[in-house]
Amino acid sequence: MKAPRIPIAQEGYPFILFAGFSTLILAILEFAYAALPALAVTGFVLWFFRDPERVAPPHADAFVSPADGKVIVAEKITDDRFMQGEVMKISIFMNVFNVHVNRFPFGGEVKEITLRPGKFYSADTNKGALHNEYCAITVTSKNNIKYCVVQVAGLIARRIVCWAEKGDSLATGQRYGLIRFGSRVDLYLPAHFSTSVKKGDKVRAGETVLGYLGAA
């Protein structure tokens, strides 16, 4: 029998414990004017680090969203930092109210992980996309297609967490990391990839289908 999983990301435990302990101390000292706001902060931190279960779509070629949030880019571009030539780029912006656990968009093997220090501009801008700190994972899919998924830090989000390691084989929808307190995830796909989402659409990590990735 599988033990029940606590639906909170482990990276949130220190923040939750600190906020909860501070609230308890303020309550014991009967500083109600401070304890009530501290309790609200504790509740927000708990809610922010929530990690609900998600069910990946049954279609073997379904390419799912790696993040909760809003699509801010869905177009063909050229960006040789991650893939050569023209690619389809899909960017998803996560605000502080979204679930921040990231999920693998399509099953495959991690070929390369690149963490590049950078700035911390607002993540929903082109300036942020070009200059902010990022963690890029290059993947060769189970049907031999190369793609790249990039966690990008933001103005508030200054801590990228990536649990994946080079050589790992991950399944579609599997958890692989998170970004603390809002940011974005960029996808770089083959130019022929036909996406079913557009700018402004709301998506859910591990569940919303962005398109279908057939054989190379």
Foldseek 3Di string as FASTA:
>chain_A
DDDDDQQFDPVLVVVLVVLVVVLVVCVVVVVVVPNVVSVVVSVLSRQQRGHDDDDADPDQQFFAFFFFAFWAAFAWDADVVFPHDIWTKTKGWDASNTHFFTFHRAWFAFADKDWDQFDAAAQSDPCQVVTFTKIKTWTQHPLGFIKIKMWGHHNPFDDWFFQDDHGDTDHHQHTGTGTPHIHMMMITGHRVFDFPDDGGDTHHHNYHGGGGDDHD
